[in-house]
Amino acid sequence: MSAESRIIELETRQAFQDDTIQALNDVVVEQGRVIERLQLQVAELIKRYEEMVGQYSSEGEEAPPPHY
């Protein structure tokens, strides 16, 4: 194998690796966005849950029935 064909082979491999790295980077960036959205949604759900628990626990705090 000549030096020129080896260089062409290496340049070809590098081009494919560059494409693969860019594709993987795009996926990681998109996953980061999804994670951020999910974190905001979970925080909102926790906030709603705590509000609901606060509403029901203040009204529903009664002594247990006598048979307990």
N, C-alpha and C. Protein backbone atom coordinates (compact mmCIF):
# COMPACT_ATOMS: atom_id res chain seq x y z
N MET A 1 0.86 -1.17 0.00
CA MET A 1 0.00 0.00 0.00
C MET A 1 0.90 1.23 0.00
N SER A 2 0.65 2.12 -0.91
CA SER A 2 1.49 3.31 -1.02
C SER A 2 1.12 4.33 0.05
N ALA A 3 2.02 5.28 0.24
CA ALA A 3 1.79 6.32 1.25
C ALA A 3 0.57 7.16 0.88
N GLU A 4 0.41 7.42 -0.40
CA GLU A 4 -0.73 8.24 -0.84
C GLU A 4 -2.06 7.53 -0.57
N SER A 5 -2.13 6.24 -0.84
CA SER A 5 -3.38 5.51 -0.59
C SER A 5 -3.65 5.39 0.91
N ARG A 6 -2.58 5.29 1.70
CA ARG A 6 -2.77 5.25 3.16
C ARG A 6 -3.32 6.57 3.66
N ILE A 7 -2.80 7.67 3.12
CA ILE A 7 -3.27 9.00 3.53
C ILE A 7 -4.74 9.17 3.14
N ILE A 8 -5.10 8.73 1.95
CA ILE A 8 -6.49 8.82 1.51
C ILE A 8 -7.39 7.99 2.43
N GLU A 9 -6.94 6.79 2.76
CA GLU A 9 -7.71 5.93 3.67
C GLU A 9 -7.88 6.60 5.03
N LEU A 10 -6.83 7.18 5.57
CA LEU A 10 -6.91 7.86 6.87
C LEU A 10 -7.83 9.08 6.81
N GLU A 11 -7.75 9.84 5.73
CA GLU A 11 -8.61 11.01 5.58
C GLU A 11 -10.08 10.59 5.47
N THR A 12 -10.33 9.48 4.78
CA THR A 12 -11.69 8.97 4.66
C THR A 12 -12.22 8.54 6.02
N ARG A 13 -11.41 7.82 6.77
CA ARG A 13 -11.82 7.41 8.11
C ARG A 13 -12.10 8.61 9.00
N GLN A 14 -11.24 9.61 8.91
CA GLN A 14 -11.42 10.80 9.73
C GLN A 14 -12.73 11.50 9.37
N ALA A 15 -13.05 11.56 8.10
CA ALA A 15 -14.29 12.21 7.67
C ALA A 15 -15.50 11.46 8.25
N PHE A 16 -15.48 10.13 8.18
CA PHE A 16 -16.58 9.36 8.76
C PHE A 16 -16.65 9.53 10.27
N GLN A 17 -15.50 9.58 10.92
CA GLN A 17 -15.49 9.77 12.37
C GLN A 17 -16.00 11.16 12.73
N ASP A 18 -15.65 12.17 11.95
CA ASP A 18 -16.17 13.51 12.20
C ASP A 18 -17.69 13.54 12.09
N ASP A 19 -18.22 12.87 11.07
CA ASP A 19 -19.67 12.81 10.92
C ASP A 19 -20.32 12.10 12.10
N THR A 20 -19.72 11.01 12.53
CA THR A 20 -20.26 10.26 13.66
C THR A 20 -20.23 11.09 14.93
N ILE A 21 -19.14 11.77 15.16
CA ILE A 21 -19.02 12.62 16.36
C ILE A 21 -20.06 13.72 16.33
N GLN A 22 -20.28 14.33 15.18
CA GLN A 22 -21.29 15.39 15.07
C GLN A 22 -22.68 14.84 15.33
N ALA A 23 -22.97 13.66 14.79
CA ALA A 23 -24.28 13.04 15.01
C ALA A 23 -24.48 12.72 16.49
N LEU A 24 -23.46 12.19 17.13
CA LEU A 24 -23.55 11.89 18.56
C LEU A 24 -23.72 13.16 19.38
N ASN A 25 -23.02 14.21 19.00
CA ASN A 25 -23.14 15.48 19.70
C ASN A 25 -24.56 16.03 19.58
N ASP A 26 -25.14 15.92 18.39
CA ASP A 26 -26.52 16.38 18.20
C ASP A 26 -27.48 15.62 19.10
N VAL A 27 -27.27 14.32 19.23
CA VAL A 27 -28.12 13.51 20.10
C VAL A 27 -27.96 13.93 21.55
N VAL A 28 -26.74 14.15 21.98
CA VAL A 28 -26.48 14.55 23.37
C VAL A 28 -27.12 15.91 23.67
N VAL A 29 -27.02 16.84 22.74
CA VAL A 29 -27.64 18.16 22.93
C VAL A 29 -29.14 18.03 23.05
N GLU A 30 -29.76 17.24 22.17
CA GLU A 30 -31.21 17.05 22.22
C GLU A 30 -31.62 16.37 23.52
N GLN A 31 -30.86 15.39 23.97
CA GLN A 31 -31.18 14.72 25.23
C GLN A 31 -31.06 15.69 26.40
N GLY A 32 -30.10 16.60 26.34
CA GLY A 32 -29.98 17.62 27.37
C GLY A 32 -31.22 18.49 27.44
N ARG A 33 -31.73 18.86 26.27
CA ARG A 33 -32.97 19.66 26.23
C ARG A 33 -34.14 18.89 26.80
N VAL A 34 -34.24 17.63 26.44
CA VAL A 34 -35.33 16.80 26.96
C VAL A 34 -35.23 16.68 28.47
N ILE A 35 -34.04 16.46 28.98
CA ILE A 35 -33.84 16.34 30.43
C ILE A 35 -34.25 17.64 31.13
N GLU A 36 -33.88 18.77 30.57
CA GLU A 36 -34.26 20.05 31.18
C GLU A 36 -35.78 20.21 31.22
N ARG A 37 -36.45 19.85 30.12
CA ARG A 37 -37.92 19.93 30.09
C ARG A 37 -38.53 19.00 31.13
N LEU A 38 -38.01 17.79 31.23
CA LEU A 38 -38.53 16.83 32.20
C LEU A 38 -38.31 17.31 33.63
N GLN A 39 -37.16 17.90 33.89
CA GLN A 39 -36.90 18.42 35.23
C GLN A 39 -37.90 19.52 35.59
N LEU A 40 -38.20 20.39 34.64
CA LEU A 40 -39.18 21.44 34.89
C LEU A 40 -40.57 20.85 35.13
N GLN A 41 -40.92 19.84 34.36
CA GLN A 41 -42.22 19.19 34.54
C GLN A 41 -42.31 18.50 35.90
N VAL A 42 -41.26 17.83 36.30
CA VAL A 42 -41.26 17.16 37.60
C VAL A 42 -41.36 18.19 38.72
N ALA A 43 -40.63 19.29 38.60
CA ALA A 43 -40.70 20.34 39.62
C ALA A 43 -42.13 20.89 39.72
N GLU A 44 -42.77 21.08 38.58
CA GLU A 44 -44.15 21.58 38.58
C GLU A 44 -45.10 20.55 39.21
N LEU A 45 -44.91 19.28 38.90
CA LEU A 45 -45.75 18.25 39.50
C LEU A 45 -45.56 18.17 41.02
N ILE A 46 -44.32 18.29 41.46
CA ILE A 46 -44.05 18.28 42.91
C ILE A 46 -44.74 19.47 43.57
N LYS A 47 -44.66 20.62 42.92
CA LYS A 47 -45.30 21.82 43.48
C LYS A 47 -46.82 21.62 43.58
N ARG A 48 -47.43 21.09 42.51
CA ARG A 48 -48.87 20.83 42.54
C ARG A 48 -49.23 19.80 43.61
N TYR A 49 -48.43 18.77 43.72
CA TYR A 49 -48.68 17.73 44.72
C TYR A 49 -48.64 18.33 46.13
N GLU A 50 -47.63 19.12 46.40
CA GLU A 50 -47.51 19.72 47.73
C GLU A 50 -48.68 20.65 48.01
N GLU A 51 -49.15 21.37 47.00
CA GLU A 51 -50.31 22.23 47.19
C GLU A 51 -51.55 21.40 47.51
N MET A 52 -51.73 20.30 46.79
CA MET A 52 -52.89 19.44 47.03
C MET A 52 -52.82 18.81 48.42
N VAL A 53 -51.65 18.34 48.81
CA VAL A 53 -51.50 17.74 50.13
C VAL A 53 -51.78 18.79 51.20
N GLY A 54 -51.33 19.99 50.97
CA GLY A 54 -51.58 21.06 51.93
C GLY A 54 -53.06 21.36 52.07
N GLN A 55 -53.79 21.34 50.96
CA GLN A 55 -55.23 21.60 51.01
C GLN A 55 -55.97 20.51 51.76
N TYR A 56 -55.65 19.27 51.47
CA TYR A 56 -56.39 18.17 52.06
C TYR A 56 -55.95 17.84 53.48
N SER A 57 -54.69 18.05 53.78
CA SER A 57 -54.25 17.70 55.13
C SER A 57 -54.77 18.70 56.16
N SER A 58 -54.94 19.96 55.79
CA SER A 58 -55.44 20.94 56.76
C SER A 58 -56.92 20.73 57.02
N GLU A 59 -57.66 20.28 56.00
CA GLU A 59 -59.09 20.05 56.18
C GLU A 59 -59.37 18.67 56.77
N GLY A 60 -58.56 17.71 56.43
CA GLY A 60 -58.86 16.32 56.78
C GLY A 60 -58.23 15.84 58.05
N GLU A 61 -57.61 16.68 58.82
CA GLU A 61 -56.96 16.21 60.04
C GLU A 61 -58.02 16.03 61.13
N GLU A 62 -58.43 14.85 61.29
CA GLU A 62 -59.40 14.51 62.31
C GLU A 62 -58.81 13.41 63.19
N ALA A 63 -59.34 13.33 64.39
CA ALA A 63 -58.90 12.26 65.27
C ALA A 63 -59.37 10.95 64.69
N PRO A 64 -58.64 9.88 64.89
CA PRO A 64 -59.11 8.57 64.38
C PRO A 64 -60.40 8.16 65.06
N PRO A 65 -61.19 7.37 64.41
CA PRO A 65 -62.44 6.93 65.01
C PRO A 65 -62.18 6.18 66.32
N PRO A 66 -63.17 6.14 67.20
CA PRO A 66 -62.97 5.51 68.52
C PRO A 66 -62.61 4.04 68.47
N HIS A 67 -62.95 3.34 67.41
CA HIS A 67 -62.65 1.92 67.38
C HIS A 67 -61.19 1.62 67.05
N TYR A 68 -60.36 2.62 66.85
CA TYR A 68 -58.93 2.39 66.61
C TYR A 68 -58.17 2.31 67.90
